PDB file of N, CA and C in Angstrom:
ATOM      1  N   MET A   1       1.063  -1.361   0.197  1.00  0.00           N
ATOM      2  CA  MET A   1      -0.149   0.110   0.190  1.00  0.00           C
ATOM      3  C   MET A   1       0.759   1.080  -0.191  1.00  0.00           C
ATOM      4  N   LYS A   2       0.393   2.041  -0.822  1.00  0.00           N
ATOM      5  CA  LYS A   2       1.451   3.434  -1.183  1.00  0.00           C
ATOM      6  C   LYS A   2       0.885   4.225   0.420  1.00  0.00           C
ATOM      7  N   VAL A   3       1.889   4.595   0.923  1.00  0.00           N
ATOM      8  CA  VAL A   3       1.600   5.386   2.488  1.00  0.00           C
ATOM      9  C   VAL A   3       3.413   6.295   2.511  1.00  0.00           C
ATOM     10  N   SER A   4       2.729   7.502   2.810  1.00  0.00           N
ATOM     11  CA  SER A   4       3.928   8.158   3.055  1.00  0.00           C
ATOM     12  C   SER A   4       4.198   9.239   4.205  1.00  0.00           C
ATOM     13  N   PHE A   5       4.977   8.111   5.167  1.00  0.00           N
ATOM     14  CA  PHE A   5       5.548   8.407   6.273  1.00  0.00           C
ATOM     15  C   PHE A   5       7.123   9.132   6.473  1.00  0.00           C
ATOM     16  N   ASP A   6       6.884  10.193   7.627  1.00  0.00           N
ATOM     17  CA  ASP A   6       8.543  10.372   7.738  1.00  0.00           C
ATOM     18  C   ASP A   6       9.283   9.488   8.830  1.00  0.00           C
ATOM     19  N   VAL A   7      10.482   8.864   8.475  1.00  0.00           N
ATOM     20  CA  VAL A   7      10.867   7.728   9.765  1.00  0.00           C
ATOM     21  C   VAL A   7      12.138   8.262  10.000  1.00  0.00           C
ATOM     22  N   GLU A   8      12.729   7.606  11.008  1.00  0.00           N
ATOM     23  CA  GLU A   8      13.924   7.447  11.765  1.00  0.00           C
ATOM     24  C   GLU A   8      14.747   6.473  11.872  1.00  0.00           C
ATOM     25  N   VAL A   9      15.339   5.982  11.113  1.00  0.00           N
ATOM     26  CA  VAL A   9      16.004   4.947  10.880  1.00  0.00           C
ATOM     27  C   VAL A   9      17.564   5.210  12.077  1.00  0.00           C
ATOM     28  N   ARG A  10      17.206   4.107  13.247  1.00  0.00           N
ATOM     29  CA  ARG A  10      18.684   4.437  14.218  1.00  0.00           C
ATOM     30  C   ARG A  10      19.381   3.238  13.815  1.00  0.00           C
ATOM     31  N   HIS A  11      20.638   3.122  13.795  1.00  0.00           N
ATOM     32  CA  HIS A  11      21.751   1.732  13.456  1.00  0.00           C
ATOM     33  C   HIS A  11      21.945   1.804  14.915  1.00  0.00           C
ATOM     34  N   PRO A  12      22.235   0.174  15.039  1.00  0.00           N
ATOM     35  CA  PRO A  12      22.902   0.046  16.577  1.00  0.00           C
ATOM     36  C   PRO A  12      24.326   1.078  16.682  1.00  0.00           C
ATOM     37  N   LEU A  13      24.871   1.094  15.687  1.00  0.00           N
ATOM     38  CA  LEU A  13      26.347   1.587  16.267  1.00  0.00           C
ATOM     39  C   LEU A  13      26.052   3.243  16.087  1.00  0.00           C
ATOM     40  N   GLY A  14      24.974   4.016  16.573  1.00  0.00           N
ATOM     41  CA  GLY A  14      25.026   4.838  16.663  1.00  0.00           C
ATOM     42  C   GLY A  14      24.441   6.037  15.679  1.00  0.00           C
ATOM     43  N   GLY A  15      24.568   5.643  14.682  1.00  0.00           N
ATOM     44  CA  GLY A  15      23.899   7.011  13.421  1.00  0.00           C
ATOM     45  C   GLY A  15      22.478   6.971  13.305  1.00  0.00           C
ATOM     46  N   VAL A  16      21.877   8.200  12.735  1.00  0.00           N
ATOM     47  CA  VAL A  16      20.312   8.185  12.865  1.00  0.00           C
ATOM     48  C   VAL A  16      20.432   8.988  11.567  1.00  0.00           C
ATOM     49  N   ALA A  17      19.331   8.092  10.860  1.00  0.00           N
ATOM     50  CA  ALA A  17      19.071   8.634   9.298  1.00  0.00           C
ATOM     51  C   ALA A  17      17.340   9.116   9.004  1.00  0.00           C
ATOM     52  N   ARG A  18      17.361   9.964   8.601  1.00  0.00           N
ATOM     53  CA  ARG A  18      16.099   9.919   8.452  1.00  0.00           C
ATOM     54  C   ARG A  18      15.415   9.876   6.752  1.00  0.00           C
ATOM     55  N   TYR A  19      14.149   8.838   6.371  1.00  0.00           N
ATOM     56  CA  TYR A  19      13.973   8.776   5.383  1.00  0.00           C
ATOM     57  C   TYR A  19      12.444   9.094   5.183  1.00  0.00           C
ATOM     58  N   GLN A  20      11.603   8.680   4.329  1.00  0.00           N
ATOM     59  CA  GLN A  20      10.677   8.957   3.931  1.00  0.00           C
ATOM     60  C   GLN A  20       9.389   7.313   3.343  1.00  0.00           C
ATOM     61  N   THR A  21       8.835   7.005   3.862  1.00  0.00           N
ATOM     62  CA  THR A  21       8.209   5.822   3.491  1.00  0.00           C
ATOM     63  C   THR A  21       7.559   5.947   2.264  1.00  0.00           C
ATOM     64  N   ARG A  22       7.890   4.760   1.015  1.00  0.00           N
ATOM     65  CA  ARG A  22       7.208   4.894  -0.068  1.00  0.00           C
ATOM     66  C   ARG A  22       5.983   4.104   0.054  1.00  0.00           C
ATOM     67  N   ASP A  23       6.253   3.269   0.365  1.00  0.00           N
ATOM     68  CA  ASP A  23       4.749   2.109   0.568  1.00  0.00           C
ATOM     69  C   ASP A  23       5.101   0.865   1.601  1.00  0.00           C
ATOM     70  N   MET A  24       4.198   0.524   2.126  1.00  0.00           N
ATOM     71  CA  MET A  24       4.005  -0.416   3.379  1.00  0.00           C
ATOM     72  C   MET A  24       3.376  -1.615   2.913  1.00  0.00           C
ATOM     73  N   SER A  25       3.675  -2.835   3.774  1.00  0.00           N
ATOM     74  CA  SER A  25       3.169  -4.202   3.803  1.00  0.00           C
ATOM     75  C   SER A  25       2.984  -5.070   4.646  1.00  0.00           C
ATOM     76  N   ASP A  26       2.598  -5.982   4.803  1.00  0.00           N
ATOM     77  CA  ASP A  26       2.295  -6.853   6.279  1.00  0.00           C
ATOM     78  C   ASP A  26       3.573  -6.961   6.453  1.00  0.00           C
ATOM     79  N   THR A  27       4.657  -7.237   5.390  1.00  0.00           N
ATOM     80  CA  THR A  27       6.167  -8.084   5.874  1.00  0.00           C
ATOM     81  C   THR A  27       7.309  -6.712   5.745  1.00  0.00           C
ATOM     82  N   GLY A  28       6.864  -5.490   5.526  1.00  0.00           N
ATOM     83  CA  GLY A  28       8.111  -4.633   5.281  1.00  0.00           C
ATOM     84  C   GLY A  28       7.646  -3.168   4.852  1.00  0.00           C
ATOM     85  N   MET A  29       8.782  -2.432   4.178  1.00  0.00           N
ATOM     86  CA  MET A  29       8.610  -0.958   3.989  1.00  0.00           C
ATOM     87  C   MET A  29       9.263  -1.004   3.263  1.00  0.00           C
ATOM     88  N   PHE A  30       9.424   0.193   1.972  1.00  0.00           N
ATOM     89  CA  PHE A  30      10.151   0.730   1.661  1.00  0.00           C
ATOM     90  C   PHE A  30      10.397   1.955   1.300  1.00  0.00           C
ATOM     91  N   VAL A  31      11.927   2.451   2.002  1.00  0.00           N
ATOM     92  CA  VAL A  31      11.893   4.055   2.401  1.00  0.00           C
ATOM     93  C   VAL A  31      12.736   4.582   1.066  1.00  0.00           C
ATOM     94  N   VAL A  32      12.488   6.021   0.998  1.00  0.00           N
ATOM     95  CA  VAL A  32      13.567   6.951  -0.102  1.00  0.00           C
ATOM     96  C   VAL A  32      13.932   7.852   0.565  1.00  0.00           C
ATOM     97  N   GLY A  33      15.396   8.604   0.334  1.00  0.00           N
ATOM     98  CA  GLY A  33      15.788   9.859   1.013  1.00  0.00           C
ATOM     99  C   GLY A  33      17.524   9.484   0.275  1.00  0.00           C
ATOM    100  N   GLU A  34      17.773  10.542   0.669  1.00  0.00           N
ATOM    101  CA  GLU A  34      19.064  10.511   0.783  1.00  0.00           C
ATOM    102  C   GLU A  34      19.882  11.116   2.064  1.00  0.00           C
ATOM    103  N   ASN A  35      20.522   9.818   2.332  1.00  0.00           N
ATOM    104  CA  ASN A  35      21.076   9.489   2.978  1.00  0.00           C
ATOM    105  C   ASN A  35      22.657   8.847   3.525  1.00  0.00           C
ATOM    106  N   ALA A  36      23.523   9.949   3.782  1.00  0.00           N
ATOM    107  CA  ALA A  36      24.860   9.233   3.422  1.00  0.00           C
ATOM    108  C   ALA A  36      25.488   8.736   4.623  1.00  0.00           C
ATOM    109  N   ASN A  37      24.918   9.558   5.731  1.00  0.00           N
ATOM    110  CA  ASN A  37      25.741   9.621   7.144  1.00  0.00           C
ATOM    111  C   ASN A  37      25.490   8.365   7.951  1.00  0.00           C
ATOM    112  N   VAL A  38      24.294   7.579   7.374  1.00  0.00           N
ATOM    113  CA  VAL A  38      24.723   6.267   7.980  1.00  0.00           C
ATOM    114  C   VAL A  38      24.697   4.892   6.697  1.00  0.00           C
ATOM    115  N   ALA A  39      25.355   4.365   7.176  1.00  0.00           N
ATOM    116  CA  ALA A  39      25.807   2.914   5.778  1.00  0.00           C
ATOM    117  C   ALA A  39      24.328   1.989   6.891  1.00  0.00           C
ATOM    118  N   LEU A  40      23.857   1.484   6.162  1.00  0.00           N
ATOM    119  CA  LEU A  40      22.524   0.306   6.150  1.00  0.00           C
ATOM    120  C   LEU A  40      23.012  -0.351   5.084  1.00  0.00           C
ATOM    121  N   LYS A  41      23.705  -1.838   6.038  1.00  0.00           N
ATOM    122  CA  LYS A  41      23.960  -3.144   5.218  1.00  0.00           C
ATOM    123  C   LYS A  41      23.051  -4.012   5.462  1.00  0.00           C
ATOM    124  N   VAL A  42      23.001  -4.717   3.997  1.00  0.00           N
ATOM    125  CA  VAL A  42      22.024  -5.763   3.717  1.00  0.00           C
ATOM    126  C   VAL A  42      22.074  -6.683   5.214  1.00  0.00           C
ATOM    127  N   GLY A  43      21.014  -7.121   5.674  1.00  0.00           N
ATOM    128  CA  GLY A  43      21.304  -8.033   6.556  1.00  0.00           C
ATOM    129  C   GLY A  43      21.208  -7.490   8.022  1.00  0.00           C
ATOM    130  N   GLU A  44      21.625  -6.278   8.119  1.00  0.00           N
ATOM    131  CA  GLU A  44      21.822  -5.501   9.494  1.00  0.00           C
ATOM    132  C   GLU A  44      20.257  -5.652   9.661  1.00  0.00           C
ATOM    133  N   ILE A  45      20.443  -5.561  11.342  1.00  0.00           N
ATOM    134  CA  ILE A  45      19.123  -5.200  11.830  1.00  0.00           C
ATOM    135  C   ILE A  45      19.303  -3.632  12.863  1.00  0.00           C
ATOM    136  N   VAL A  46      18.339  -2.993  12.188  1.00  0.00           N
ATOM    137  CA  VAL A  46      18.056  -1.629  12.799  1.00  0.00           C
ATOM    138  C   VAL A  46      16.833  -1.238  13.372  1.00  0.00           C
ATOM    139  N   ARG A  47      16.265  -0.097  14.137  1.00  0.00           N
ATOM    140  CA  ARG A  47      15.454   0.093  14.620  1.00  0.00           C
ATOM    141  C   ARG A  47      14.770   1.227  13.870  1.00  0.00           C
ATOM    142  N   VAL A  48      13.163   1.260  13.504  1.00  0.00           N
ATOM    143  CA  VAL A  48      12.621   2.375  12.633  1.00  0.00           C
ATOM    144  C   VAL A  48      11.544   3.230  14.133  1.00  0.00           C
ATOM    145  N   LEU A  49      11.388   4.123  13.998  1.00  0.00           N
ATOM    146  CA  LEU A  49      10.608   4.986  14.526  1.00  0.00           C
ATOM    147  C   LEU A  49      10.164   6.155  13.995  1.00  0.00           C
ATOM    148  N   ILE A  50       8.340   5.685  13.958  1.00  0.00           N
ATOM    149  CA  ILE A  50       7.544   6.608  13.242  1.00  0.00           C
ATOM    150  C   ILE A  50       6.665   7.340  14.127  1.00  0.00           C
ATOM    151  N   GLU A  51       6.680   8.487  13.615  1.00  0.00           N
ATOM    152  CA  GLU A  51       6.089   9.686  14.388  1.00  0.00           C
ATOM    153  C   GLU A  51       4.670  10.435  13.404  1.00  0.00           C
ATOM    154  N   THR A  52       3.788  10.227  13.288  1.00  0.00           N
ATOM    155  CA  THR A  52       2.739  10.878  12.907  1.00  0.00           C
ATOM    156  C   THR A  52       1.907  11.937  13.967  1.00  0.00           C
ATOM    157  N   ALA A  53       1.184  12.975  13.404  1.00  0.00           N
ATOM    158  CA  ALA A  53      -0.134  13.226  13.916  1.00  0.00           C
ATOM    159  C   ALA A  53      -1.290  12.395  14.233  1.00  0.00           C
ATOM    160  N   ASN A  54      -1.344  11.015  13.459  1.00  0.00           N
ATOM    161  CA  ASN A  54      -2.227  10.170  13.554  1.00  0.00           C
ATOM    162  C   ASN A  54      -2.116   9.321  14.713  1.00  0.00           C
ATOM    163  N   PHE A  55      -0.749   9.165  14.841  1.00  0.00           N
ATOM    164  CA  PHE A  55      -0.336   8.157  16.248  1.00  0.00           C
ATOM    165  C   PHE A  55      -0.207   8.931  17.378  1.00  0.00           C
ATOM    166  N   VAL A  56      -1.134   8.212  18.469  1.00  0.00           N
ATOM    167  CA  VAL A  56      -0.739   8.637  19.774  1.00  0.00           C
ATOM    168  C   VAL A  56       0.387   8.590  20.475  1.00  0.00           C
ATOM    169  N   GLU A  57       1.101   7.830  20.271  1.00  0.00           N
ATOM    170  CA  GLU A  57       2.604   7.494  20.428  1.00  0.00           C
ATOM    171  C   GLU A  57       3.325   7.486  19.408  1.00  0.00           C
ATOM    172  N   PRO A  58       4.907   7.264  19.284  1.00  0.00           N
ATOM    173  CA  PRO A  58       5.667   7.269  17.977  1.00  0.00           C
ATOM    174  C   PRO A  58       5.796   6.190  18.210  1.00  0.00           C
ATOM    175  N   MET A  59       5.485   5.131  16.606  1.00  0.00           N
ATOM    176  CA  MET A  59       5.640   3.502  16.702  1.00  0.00           C
ATOM    177  C   MET A  59       6.967   3.076  16.414  1.00  0.00           C
ATOM    178  N   THR A  60       7.666   2.472  17.368  1.00  0.00           N
ATOM    179  CA  THR A  60       9.209   1.555  17.018  1.00  0.00           C
ATOM    180  C   THR A  60       9.035   0.358  17.123  1.00  0.00           C
ATOM    181  N   MET A  61       9.475   0.243  15.916  1.00  0.00           N
ATOM    182  CA  MET A  61      10.259  -1.562  15.561  1.00  0.00           C
ATOM    183  C   MET A  61      11.365  -1.383  15.049  1.00  0.00           C
ATOM    184  N   ASP A  62      11.852  -3.025  15.065  1.00  0.00           N
ATOM    185  CA  ASP A  62      13.152  -3.454  14.258  1.00  0.00           C
ATOM    186  C   ASP A  62      12.600  -4.285  13.049  1.00  0.00           C
ATOM    187  N   VAL A  63      13.721  -3.595  12.419  1.00  0.00           N
ATOM    188  CA  VAL A  63      13.670  -4.299  11.073  1.00  0.00           C
ATOM    189  C   VAL A  63      15.016  -4.845  10.705  1.00  0.00           C
ATOM    190  N   ARG A  64      15.057  -5.658   9.491  1.00  0.00           N
ATOM    191  CA  ARG A  64      15.713  -5.990   8.850  1.00  0.00           C
ATOM    192  C   ARG A  64      16.546  -5.395   7.261  1.00  0.00           C
ATOM    193  N   VAL A  65      17.464  -5.126   7.282  1.00  0.00           N
ATOM    194  CA  VAL A  65      17.571  -4.178   5.874  1.00  0.00           C
ATOM    195  C   VAL A  65      17.916  -5.554   5.074  1.00  0.00           C
ATOM    196  N   VAL A  66      17.057  -5.155   3.788  1.00  0.00           N
ATOM    197  CA  VAL A  66      16.911  -6.284   3.188  1.00  0.00           C
ATOM    198  C   VAL A  66      17.229  -6.476   1.723  1.00  0.00           C
ATOM    199  N   ARG A  67      16.926  -4.943   0.891  1.00  0.00           N
ATOM    200  CA  ARG A  67      17.921  -4.652  -0.225  1.00  0.00           C
ATOM    201  C   ARG A  67      18.334  -2.974  -0.604  1.00  0.00           C
ATOM    202  N   HIS A  68      19.281  -2.857  -1.112  1.00  0.00           N
ATOM    203  CA  HIS A  68      19.240  -1.301  -1.641  1.00  0.00           C
ATOM    204  C   HIS A  68      19.104  -1.442  -3.552  1.00  0.00           C
ATOM    205  N   THR A  69      18.350  -0.057  -3.691  1.00  0.00           N
ATOM    206  CA  THR A  69      18.090   0.126  -5.350  1.00  0.00           C
ATOM    207  C   THR A  69      18.515   1.366  -5.365  1.00  0.00           C
ATOM    208  N   VAL A  70      18.826   1.645  -6.191  1.00  0.00           N
ATOM    209  CA  VAL A  70      19.224   3.025  -6.565  1.00  0.00           C
ATOM    210  C   VAL A  70      17.791   4.213  -6.146  1.00  0.00           C
ATOM    211  N   ASP A  71      16.761   3.726  -5.918  1.00  0.00           N
ATOM    212  CA  ASP A  71      15.551   4.700  -5.287  1.00  0.00           C
ATOM    213  C   ASP A  71      15.430   4.681  -4.015  1.00  0.00           C
ATOM    214  N   GLY A  72      15.826   3.877  -3.154  1.00  0.00           N
ATOM    215  CA  GLY A  72      15.609   3.435  -1.709  1.00  0.00           C
ATOM    216  C   GLY A  72      16.078   2.364  -1.042  1.00  0.00           C
ATOM    217  N   LYS A  73      15.733   1.662  -0.077  1.00  0.00           N
ATOM    218  CA  LYS A  73      16.066   0.649   0.862  1.00  0.00           C
ATOM    219  C   LYS A  73      14.890  -0.168   1.284  1.00  0.00           C
ATOM    220  N   ALA A  74      14.899  -1.172   1.034  1.00  0.00           N
ATOM    221  CA  ALA A  74      13.586  -2.435   1.697  1.00  0.00           C
ATOM    222  C   ALA A  74      14.371  -2.943   3.206  1.00  0.00           C
ATOM    223  N   LEU A  75      12.630  -2.623   4.009  1.00  0.00           N
ATOM    224  CA  LEU A  75      13.103  -3.213   5.075  1.00  0.00           C
ATOM    225  C   LEU A  75      12.227  -3.700   5.512  1.00  0.00           C
ATOM    226  N   SER A  76      12.357  -5.321   6.040  1.00  0.00           N
ATOM    227  CA  SER A  76      11.305  -6.517   6.479  1.00  0.00           C
ATOM    228  C   SER A  76      11.290  -5.949   7.871  1.00  0.00           C
ATOM    229  N   PHE A  77       9.813  -6.204   8.405  1.00  0.00           N
ATOM    230  CA  PHE A  77       9.560  -6.480   9.906  1.00  0.00           C
ATOM    231  C   PHE A  77       9.930  -7.712  10.247  1.00  0.00           C
ATOM    232  N   ILE A  78      10.797  -7.511  11.802  1.00  0.00           N
ATOM    233  CA  ILE A  78      10.931  -9.353  12.323  1.00  0.00           C
ATOM    234  C   ILE A  78      10.299  -9.206  13.550  1.00  0.00           C
TER     235      ILE A  78
END
């Protein structure tokens, strides 16, 4: 499903990157954005924070980096 949320990706070694979702499914999400200050490697587990006006509290979840493309990154819910 096409959705557009601002997300913060927190790398376990301390880096934080900001992206925007392009779509989301039952199994994961695809995020887009220019963020060279945090290297996300395929297979790594990172924490995603989604905060919108629709949520009472921010939603936090762990995801696995599944794929990189020229458009963005695929993240799988774990």
